[in-house]
PDB file of N, CA and C in Angstrom:
ATOM      1  N   UNK A   1      57.219  66.691  -0.449  1.00  0.00           N
ATOM      2  CA  UNK A   1      56.517  66.037   0.637  1.00  0.00           C
ATOM      3  C   UNK A   1      57.178  66.466   1.947  1.00  0.00           C
ATOM      4  N   UNK A   2      56.356  66.821   2.897  1.00  0.00           N
ATOM      5  CA  UNK A   2      56.878  67.270   4.186  1.00  0.00           C
ATOM      6  C   UNK A   2      57.422  66.079   4.970  1.00  0.00           C
ATOM      7  N   UNK A   3      58.318  66.325   5.913  1.00  0.00           N
ATOM      8  CA  UNK A   3      58.872  65.210   6.698  1.00  0.00           C
ATOM      9  C   UNK A   3      57.818  64.470   7.512  1.00  0.00           C
ATOM     10  N   UNK A   4      56.821  65.193   7.987  1.00  0.00           N
ATOM     11  CA  UNK A   4      55.760  64.532   8.766  1.00  0.00           C
ATOM     12  C   UNK A   4      54.956  63.597   7.868  1.00  0.00           C
ATOM     13  N   UNK A   5      54.644  64.057   6.659  1.00  0.00           N
ATOM     14  CA  UNK A   5      53.896  63.226   5.719  1.00  0.00           C
ATOM     15  C   UNK A   5      54.731  62.034   5.268  1.00  0.00           C
ATOM     16  N   UNK A   6      56.024  62.239   5.092  1.00  0.00           N
ATOM     17  CA  UNK A   6      56.904  61.138   4.702  1.00  0.00           C
ATOM     18  C   UNK A   6      56.983  60.073   5.786  1.00  0.00           C
ATOM     19  N   UNK A   7      56.770  60.433   7.026  1.00  0.00           N
ATOM     20  CA  UNK A   7      56.763  59.467   8.121  1.00  0.00           C
ATOM     21  C   UNK A   7      55.367  58.873   8.331  1.00  0.00           C
ATOM     22  N   UNK A   8      54.336  59.690   8.155  1.00  0.00           N
ATOM     23  CA  UNK A   8      52.973  59.258   8.465  1.00  0.00           C
ATOM     24  C   UNK A   8      52.417  58.270   7.437  1.00  0.00           C
ATOM     25  N   UNK A   9      52.745  58.446   6.163  1.00  0.00           N
ATOM     26  CA  UNK A   9      52.178  57.569   5.135  1.00  0.00           C
ATOM     27  C   UNK A   9      52.633  56.118   5.266  1.00  0.00           C
ATOM     28  N   UNK A  10      53.930  55.817   5.440  1.00  0.00           N
ATOM     29  CA  UNK A  10      54.302  54.413   5.652  1.00  0.00           C
ATOM     30  C   UNK A  10      53.737  53.828   6.947  1.00  0.00           C
ATOM     31  N   UNK A  11      53.625  54.679   7.976  1.00  0.00           N
ATOM     32  CA  UNK A  11      53.020  54.210   9.227  1.00  0.00           C
ATOM     33  C   UNK A  11      51.550  53.858   9.019  1.00  0.00           C
ATOM     34  N   UNK A  12      50.833  54.697   8.281  1.00  0.00           N
ATOM     35  CA  UNK A  12      49.424  54.417   7.991  1.00  0.00           C
ATOM     36  C   UNK A  12      49.281  53.161   7.144  1.00  0.00           C
ATOM     37  N   UNK A  13      50.172  52.967   6.175  1.00  0.00           N
ATOM     38  CA  UNK A  13      50.129  51.756   5.346  1.00  0.00           C
ATOM     39  C   UNK A  13      50.354  50.507   6.192  1.00  0.00           C
ATOM     40  N   UNK A  14      51.306  50.573   7.110  1.00  0.00           N
ATOM     41  CA  UNK A  14      51.579  49.423   7.979  1.00  0.00           C
ATOM     42  C   UNK A  14      50.391  49.125   8.891  1.00  0.00           C
ATOM     43  N   UNK A  15      49.781  50.166   9.435  1.00  0.00           N
ATOM     44  CA  UNK A  15      48.627  49.955  10.319  1.00  0.00           C
ATOM     45  C   UNK A  15      47.428  49.397   9.562  1.00  0.00           C
ATOM     46  N   UNK A  16      47.210  49.889   8.353  1.00  0.00           N
ATOM     47  CA  UNK A  16      46.093  49.369   7.553  1.00  0.00           C
ATOM     48  C   UNK A  16      46.342  47.925   7.140  1.00  0.00           C
ATOM     49  N   UNK A  17      47.590  47.593   6.816  1.00  0.00           N
ATOM     50  CA  UNK A  17      47.913  46.203   6.475  1.00  0.00           C
ATOM     51  C   UNK A  17      47.706  45.295   7.684  1.00  0.00           C
ATOM     52  N   UNK A  18      48.089  45.754   8.866  1.00  0.00           N
ATOM     53  CA  UNK A  18      47.866  44.976  10.083  1.00  0.00           C
ATOM     54  C   UNK A  18      46.368  44.813  10.363  1.00  0.00           C
ATOM     55  N   UNK A  19      45.610  45.873  10.151  1.00  0.00           N
ATOM     56  CA  UNK A  19      44.155  45.798  10.347  1.00  0.00           C
ATOM     57  C   UNK A  19      43.527  44.810   9.371  1.00  0.00           C
ATOM     58  N   UNK A  20      44.010  44.794   8.129  1.00  0.00           N
ATOM     59  CA  UNK A  20      43.477  43.834   7.158  1.00  0.00           C
ATOM     60  C   UNK A  20      43.835  42.408   7.542  1.00  0.00           C
ATOM     61  N   UNK A  21      45.032  42.204   8.084  1.00  0.00           N
ATOM     62  CA  UNK A  21      45.437  40.866   8.520  1.00  0.00           C
ATOM     63  C   UNK A  21      44.571  40.378   9.679  1.00  0.00           C
ATOM     64  N   UNK A  22      44.324  41.251  10.637  1.00  0.00           N
ATOM     65  CA  UNK A  22      43.476  40.874  11.768  1.00  0.00           C
ATOM     66  C   UNK A  22      42.028  40.645  11.330  1.00  0.00           C
ATOM     67  N   UNK A  23      41.582  41.413  10.371  1.00  0.00           N
ATOM     68  CA  UNK A  23      40.234  41.217   9.842  1.00  0.00           C
ATOM     69  C   UNK A  23      40.130  39.903   9.088  1.00  0.00           C
ATOM     70  N   UNK A  24      41.192  39.536   8.388  1.00  0.00           N
ATOM     71  CA  UNK A  24      41.206  38.248   7.697  1.00  0.00           C
ATOM     72  C   UNK A  24      41.107  37.089   8.681  1.00  0.00           C
ATOM     73  N   UNK A  25      41.757  37.235   9.833  1.00  0.00           N
ATOM     74  CA  UNK A  25      41.644  36.206  10.872  1.00  0.00           C
ATOM     75  C   UNK A  25      40.194  36.083  11.335  1.00  0.00           C
ATOM     76  N   UNK A  26      39.531  37.221  11.539  1.00  0.00           N
ATOM     77  CA  UNK A  26      38.121  37.191  11.964  1.00  0.00           C
ATOM     78  C   UNK A  26      37.234  36.629  10.877  1.00  0.00           C
ATOM     79  N   UNK A  27      37.566  36.923   9.629  1.00  0.00           N
ATOM     80  CA  UNK A  27      36.775  36.419   8.506  1.00  0.00           C
ATOM     81  C   UNK A  27      36.864  34.902   8.424  1.00  0.00           C
ATOM     82  N   UNK A  28      38.026  34.352   8.641  1.00  0.00           N
ATOM     83  CA  UNK A  28      38.200  32.905   8.550  1.00  0.00           C
ATOM     84  C   UNK A  28      37.737  32.176   9.799  1.00  0.00           C
ATOM     85  N   UNK A  29      37.815  32.831  10.960  1.00  0.00           N
ATOM     86  CA  UNK A  29      37.566  32.162  12.232  1.00  0.00           C
ATOM     87  C   UNK A  29      36.233  32.530  12.878  1.00  0.00           C
ATOM     88  N   UNK A  30      35.556  33.536  12.332  1.00  0.00           N
ATOM     89  CA  UNK A  30      34.340  34.066  12.946  1.00  0.00           C
ATOM     90  C   UNK A  30      33.333  32.997  13.335  1.00  0.00           C
ATOM     91  N   UNK A  31      32.791  33.093  14.532  1.00  0.00           N
ATOM     92  CA  UNK A  31      31.865  32.053  14.972  1.00  0.00           C
ATOM     93  C   UNK A  31      30.529  32.047  14.231  1.00  0.00           C
ATOM     94  N   UNK A  32      30.108  33.178  13.718  1.00  0.00           N
ATOM     95  CA  UNK A  32      28.815  33.202  13.033  1.00  0.00           C
ATOM     96  C   UNK A  32      28.951  33.878  11.677  1.00  0.00           C
ATOM     97  N   UNK A  33      27.917  33.735  10.878  1.00  0.00           N
ATOM     98  CA  UNK A  33      27.920  34.345   9.544  1.00  0.00           C
ATOM     99  C   UNK A  33      27.877  35.865   9.634  1.00  0.00           C
ATOM    100  N   UNK A  34      27.214  36.389  10.650  1.00  0.00           N
ATOM    101  CA  UNK A  34      27.151  37.842  10.802  1.00  0.00           C
ATOM    102  C   UNK A  34      28.537  38.411  11.087  1.00  0.00           C
ATOM    103  N   UNK A  35      29.339  37.700  11.887  1.00  0.00           N
ATOM    104  CA  UNK A  35      30.702  38.144  12.144  1.00  0.00           C
ATOM    105  C   UNK A  35      31.530  38.142  10.862  1.00  0.00           C
ATOM    106  N   UNK A  36      31.307  37.162  10.024  1.00  0.00           N
ATOM    107  CA  UNK A  36      32.046  37.098   8.764  1.00  0.00           C
ATOM    108  C   UNK A  36      31.649  38.233   7.819  1.00  0.00           C
ATOM    109  N   UNK A  37      30.370  38.584   7.798  1.00  0.00           N
ATOM    110  CA  UNK A  37      29.925  39.692   6.954  1.00  0.00           C
ATOM    111  C   UNK A  37      30.516  41.006   7.459  1.00  0.00           C
ATOM    112  N   UNK A  38      30.536  41.216   8.765  1.00  0.00           N
ATOM    113  CA  UNK A  38      31.135  42.426   9.319  1.00  0.00           C
ATOM    114  C   UNK A  38      32.634  42.474   9.046  1.00  0.00           C
ATOM    115  N   UNK A  39      33.295  41.321   9.120  1.00  0.00           N
ATOM    116  CA  UNK A  39      34.723  41.280   8.818  1.00  0.00           C
ATOM    117  C   UNK A  39      34.971  41.606   7.345  1.00  0.00           C
ATOM    118  N   UNK A  40      34.128  41.112   6.465  1.00  0.00           N
ATOM    119  CA  UNK A  40      34.264  41.420   5.045  1.00  0.00           C
ATOM    120  C   UNK A  40      34.029  42.911   4.799  1.00  0.00           C
ATOM    121  N   UNK A  41      33.061  43.486   5.481  1.00  0.00           N
ATOM    122  CA  UNK A  41      32.786  44.914   5.362  1.00  0.00           C
ATOM    123  C   UNK A  41      33.980  45.734   5.844  1.00  0.00           C
ATOM    124  N   UNK A  42      34.547  45.341   6.961  1.00  0.00           N
ATOM    125  CA  UNK A  42      35.716  46.040   7.489  1.00  0.00           C
ATOM    126  C   UNK A  42      36.915  45.864   6.561  1.00  0.00           C
ATOM    127  N   UNK A  43      37.034  44.706   5.937  1.00  0.00           N
ATOM    128  CA  UNK A  43      38.166  44.460   5.049  1.00  0.00           C
ATOM    129  C   UNK A  43      38.088  45.326   3.797  1.00  0.00           C
ATOM    130  N   UNK A  44      36.906  45.489   3.241  1.00  0.00           N
ATOM    131  CA  UNK A  44      36.835  46.345   2.055  1.00  0.00           C
ATOM    132  C   UNK A  44      37.047  47.809   2.417  1.00  0.00           C
ATOM    133  N   UNK A  45      36.636  48.218   3.613  1.00  0.00           N
ATOM    134  CA  UNK A  45      36.924  49.586   4.047  1.00  0.00           C
ATOM    135  C   UNK A  45      38.420  49.809   4.230  1.00  0.00           C
ATOM    136  N   UNK A  46      39.091  48.835   4.835  1.00  0.00           N
ATOM    137  CA  UNK A  46      40.536  48.951   4.994  1.00  0.00           C
ATOM    138  C   UNK A  46      41.243  48.938   3.643  1.00  0.00           C
ATOM    139  N   UNK A  47      40.762  48.136   2.708  1.00  0.00           N
ATOM    140  CA  UNK A  47      41.339  48.115   1.373  1.00  0.00           C
ATOM    141  C   UNK A  47      41.163  49.443   0.655  1.00  0.00           C
ATOM    142  N   UNK A  48      39.993  50.042   0.826  1.00  0.00           N
ATOM    143  CA  UNK A  48      39.731  51.346   0.213  1.00  0.00           C
ATOM    144  C   UNK A  48      40.668  52.406   0.809  1.00  0.00           C
ATOM    145  N   UNK A  49      40.825  52.398   2.123  1.00  0.00           N
ATOM    146  CA  UNK A  49      41.719  53.360   2.767  1.00  0.00           C
ATOM    147  C   UNK A  49      43.171  53.130   2.363  1.00  0.00           C
ATOM    148  N   UNK A  50      43.541  51.880   2.178  1.00  0.00           N
ATOM    149  CA  UNK A  50      44.889  51.562   1.711  1.00  0.00           C
ATOM    150  C   UNK A  50      45.135  52.149   0.324  1.00  0.00           C
ATOM    151  N   UNK A  51      44.138  52.039  -0.545  1.00  0.00           N
ATOM    152  CA  UNK A  51      44.262  52.620  -1.884  1.00  0.00           C
ATOM    153  C   UNK A  51      44.362  54.153  -1.815  1.00  0.00           C
ATOM    154  N   UNK A  52      43.619  54.766  -0.915  1.00  0.00           N
ATOM    155  CA  UNK A  52      43.679  56.221  -0.776  1.00  0.00           C
ATOM    156  C   UNK A  52      45.046  56.685  -0.271  1.00  0.00           C
ATOM    157  N   UNK A  53      45.597  55.965   0.692  1.00  0.00           N
ATOM    158  CA  UNK A  53      46.919  56.327   1.205  1.00  0.00           C
ATOM    159  C   UNK A  53      47.983  56.135   0.125  1.00  0.00           C
ATOM    160  N   UNK A  54      47.861  55.065  -0.654  1.00  0.00           N
ATOM    161  CA  UNK A  54      48.797  54.872  -1.758  1.00  0.00           C
ATOM    162  C   UNK A  54      48.661  55.983  -2.801  1.00  0.00           C
ATOM    163  N   UNK A  55      47.448  56.439  -3.043  1.00  0.00           N
ATOM    164  CA  UNK A  55      47.230  57.545  -3.967  1.00  0.00           C
ATOM    165  C   UNK A  55      47.880  58.831  -3.490  1.00  0.00           C
ATOM    166  N   UNK A  56      47.812  59.078  -2.192  1.00  0.00           N
ATOM    167  CA  UNK A  56      48.466  60.260  -1.635  1.00  0.00           C
ATOM    168  C   UNK A  56      49.982  60.109  -1.730  1.00  0.00           C
ATOM    169  N   UNK A  57      50.480  58.922  -1.422  1.00  0.00           N
ATOM    170  CA  UNK A  57      51.921  58.706  -1.421  1.00  0.00           C
ATOM    171  C   UNK A  57      52.521  58.838  -2.816  1.00  0.00           C
ATOM    172  N   UNK A  58      51.880  58.261  -3.809  1.00  0.00           N
ATOM    173  CA  UNK A  58      52.424  58.299  -5.160  1.00  0.00           C
ATOM    174  C   UNK A  58      51.924  59.488  -5.976  1.00  0.00           C
ATOM    175  N   UNK A  59      50.944  60.198  -5.489  1.00  0.00           N
ATOM    176  CA  UNK A  59      50.435  61.369  -6.187  1.00  0.00           C
ATOM    177  C   UNK A  59      49.724  61.041  -7.488  1.00  0.00           C
ATOM    178  N   UNK A  60      49.035  59.916  -7.520  1.00  0.00           N
ATOM    179  CA  UNK A  60      48.349  59.472  -8.731  1.00  0.00           C
ATOM    180  C   UNK A  60      46.849  59.442  -8.490  1.00  0.00           C
ATOM    181  N   UNK A  61      46.096  59.897  -9.467  1.00  0.00           N
ATOM    182  CA  UNK A  61      44.641  59.899  -9.317  1.00  0.00           C
ATOM    183  C   UNK A  61      44.024  58.536  -9.621  1.00  0.00           C
ATOM    184  N   UNK A  62      44.802  57.635 -10.203  1.00  0.00           N
ATOM    185  CA  UNK A  62      44.263  56.314 -10.519  1.00  0.00           C
ATOM    186  C   UNK A  62      43.912  55.525  -9.249  1.00  0.00           C
ATOM    187  N   UNK A  63      44.658  55.745  -8.197  1.00  0.00           N
ATOM    188  CA  UNK A  63      44.370  55.064  -6.938  1.00  0.00           C
ATOM    189  C   UNK A  63      43.044  55.540  -6.344  1.00  0.00           C
ATOM    190  N   UNK A  64      42.724  56.813  -6.529  1.00  0.00           N
ATOM    191  CA  UNK A  64      41.463  57.333  -6.004  1.00  0.00           C
ATOM    192  C   UNK A  64      40.270  56.748  -6.763  1.00  0.00           C
ATOM    193  N   UNK A  65      40.432  56.578  -8.063  1.00  0.00           N
ATOM    194  CA  UNK A  65      39.371  55.945  -8.851  1.00  0.00           C
ATOM    195  C   UNK A  65      39.193  54.491  -8.454  1.00  0.00           C
ATOM    196  N   UNK A  66      40.301  53.802  -8.210  1.00  0.00           N
ATOM    197  CA  UNK A  66      40.219  52.403  -7.768  1.00  0.00           C
ATOM    198  C   UNK A  66      39.573  52.310  -6.389  1.00  0.00           C
ATOM    199  N   UNK A  67      39.871  53.255  -5.508  1.00  0.00           N
ATOM    200  CA  UNK A  67      39.254  53.257  -4.177  1.00  0.00           C
ATOM    201  C   UNK A  67      37.749  53.478  -4.273  1.00  0.00           C
ATOM    202  N   UNK A  68      37.328  54.308  -5.205  1.00  0.00           N
ATOM    203  CA  UNK A  68      35.896  54.528  -5.411  1.00  0.00           C
ATOM    204  C   UNK A  68      35.212  53.242  -5.885  1.00  0.00           C
ATOM    205  N   UNK A  69      35.859  52.514  -6.777  1.00  0.00           N
ATOM    206  CA  UNK A  69      35.291  51.248  -7.239  1.00  0.00           C
ATOM    207  C   UNK A  69      35.247  50.209  -6.127  1.00  0.00           C
ATOM    208  N   UNK A  70      36.298  50.154  -5.310  1.00  0.00           N
ATOM    209  CA  UNK A  70      36.317  49.215  -4.186  1.00  0.00           C
ATOM    210  C   UNK A  70      35.173  49.539  -3.223  1.00  0.00           C
ATOM    211  N   UNK A  71      34.950  50.820  -2.953  1.00  0.00           N
ATOM    212  CA  UNK A  71      33.864  51.220  -2.056  1.00  0.00           C
ATOM    213  C   UNK A  71      32.509  50.845  -2.640  1.00  0.00           C
ATOM    214  N   UNK A  72      32.325  51.057  -3.934  1.00  0.00           N
ATOM    215  CA  UNK A  72      31.055  50.745  -4.581  1.00  0.00           C
ATOM    216  C   UNK A  72      30.771  49.251  -4.552  1.00  0.00           C
ATOM    217  N   UNK A  73      31.739  48.453  -4.979  1.00  0.00           N
ATOM    218  CA  UNK A  73      31.537  47.000  -5.004  1.00  0.00           C
ATOM    219  C   UNK A  73      31.442  46.416  -3.601  1.00  0.00           C
ATOM    220  N   UNK A  74      32.170  46.987  -2.651  1.00  0.00           N
ATOM    221  CA  UNK A  74      32.087  46.514  -1.275  1.00  0.00           C
ATOM    222  C   UNK A  74      30.720  46.772  -0.666  1.00  0.00           C
ATOM    223  N   UNK A  75      30.158  47.952  -0.936  1.00  0.00           N
ATOM    224  CA  UNK A  75      28.826  48.261  -0.423  1.00  0.00           C
ATOM    225  C   UNK A  75      27.784  47.325  -1.020  1.00  0.00           C
ATOM    226  N   UNK A  76      27.849  47.114  -2.318  1.00  0.00           N
ATOM    227  CA  UNK A  76      26.885  46.222  -2.974  1.00  0.00           C
ATOM    228  C   UNK A  76      27.038  44.802  -2.451  1.00  0.00           C
ATOM    229  N   UNK A  77      28.271  44.358  -2.270  1.00  0.00           N
ATOM    230  CA  UNK A  77      28.510  43.003  -1.781  1.00  0.00           C
ATOM    231  C   UNK A  77      28.027  42.797  -0.355  1.00  0.00           C
ATOM    232  N   UNK A  78      28.305  43.751   0.528  1.00  0.00           N
ATOM    233  CA  UNK A  78      27.862  43.589   1.911  1.00  0.00           C
ATOM    234  C   UNK A  78      26.344  43.719   2.021  1.00  0.00           C
ATOM    235  N   UNK A  79      25.726  44.534   1.186  1.00  0.00           N
ATOM    236  CA  UNK A  79      24.268  44.627   1.175  1.00  0.00           C
ATOM    237  C   UNK A  79      23.644  43.318   0.697  1.00  0.00           C
ATOM    238  N   UNK A  80      24.219  42.722  -0.324  1.00  0.00           N
ATOM    239  CA  UNK A  80      23.708  41.441  -0.820  1.00  0.00           C
ATOM    240  C   UNK A  80      23.879  40.342   0.219  1.00  0.00           C
ATOM    241  N   UNK A  81      25.016  40.340   0.908  1.00  0.00           N
ATOM    242  CA  UNK A  81      25.231  39.313   1.940  1.00  0.00           C
ATOM    243  C   UNK A  81      24.261  39.494   3.105  1.00  0.00           C
ATOM    244  N   UNK A  82      24.022  40.728   3.512  1.00  0.00           N
ATOM    245  CA  UNK A  82      23.083  40.974   4.608  1.00  0.00           C
ATOM    246  C   UNK A  82      21.667  40.565   4.207  1.00  0.00           C
ATOM    247  N   UNK A  83      21.292  40.863   2.979  1.00  0.00           N
ATOM    248  CA  UNK A  83      19.963  40.467   2.509  1.00  0.00           C
ATOM    249  C   UNK A  83      19.842  38.951   2.434  1.00  0.00           C
ATOM    250  N   UNK A  84      20.908  38.294   2.023  1.00  0.00           N
ATOM    251  CA  UNK A  84      20.890  36.835   1.964  1.00  0.00           C
ATOM    252  C   UNK A  84      20.765  36.233   3.354  1.00  0.00           C
ATOM    253  N   UNK A  85      21.447  36.811   4.335  1.00  0.00           N
ATOM    254  CA  UNK A  85      21.360  36.283   5.694  1.00  0.00           C
ATOM    255  C   UNK A  85      19.986  36.531   6.310  1.00  0.00           C
ATOM    256  N   UNK A  86      19.338  37.627   5.942  1.00  0.00           N
ATOM    257  CA  UNK A  86      18.021  37.918   6.500  1.00  0.00           C
ATOM    258  C   UNK A  86      16.919  37.075   5.871  1.00  0.00           C
ATOM    259  N   UNK A  87      16.935  36.971   4.521  1.00  0.00           N
ATOM    260  CA  UNK A  87      15.814  36.351   3.812  1.00  0.00           C
ATOM    261  C   UNK A  87      16.144  35.008   3.183  1.00  0.00           C
ATOM    262  N   UNK A  88      17.400  34.689   3.029  1.00  0.00           N
ATOM    263  CA  UNK A  88      17.781  33.426   2.411  1.00  0.00           C
ATOM    264  C   UNK A  88      17.858  33.486   0.899  1.00  0.00           C
ATOM    265  N   UNK A  89      17.620  34.662   0.325  1.00  0.00           N
ATOM    266  CA  UNK A  89      17.724  34.841  -1.122  1.00  0.00           C
ATOM    267  C   UNK A  89      18.145  36.275  -1.404  1.00  0.00           C
ATOM    268  N   UNK A  90      18.856  36.460  -2.511  1.00  0.00           N
ATOM    269  CA  UNK A  90      19.332  37.788  -2.860  1.00  0.00           C
ATOM    270  C   UNK A  90      18.369  38.450  -3.833  1.00  0.00           C
ATOM    271  N   UNK A  91      17.961  37.717  -4.848  1.00  0.00           N
ATOM    272  CA  UNK A  91      17.050  38.248  -5.869  1.00  0.00           C
ATOM    273  C   UNK A  91      15.670  37.676  -5.616  1.00  0.00           C
ATOM    274  N   UNK A  92      14.691  38.545  -5.549  1.00  0.00           N
ATOM    275  CA  UNK A  92      13.316  38.083  -5.284  1.00  0.00           C
ATOM    276  C   UNK A  92      12.589  37.785  -6.563  1.00  0.00           C
TER     277      UNK A  92
END
């Protein structure tokens, strides 16, 4: 691992953890339901990026597979929440 990468990966992990913490504050405190859905969407994106950075740091492909699952479930979840907010029901 190069010295730049050895410095950049922990910095990226710290920034992503801080972003997730701030997003959690918005998720809990958001004035409207739309703000909470956007915060949840941002949180799953930050979680996916956190898994990718951990995969690069540890050199394991299992983290990349987990990040793919987080992205898939996050997209489905945010789509269901948006549909629920628009129509009041998820399944027609």
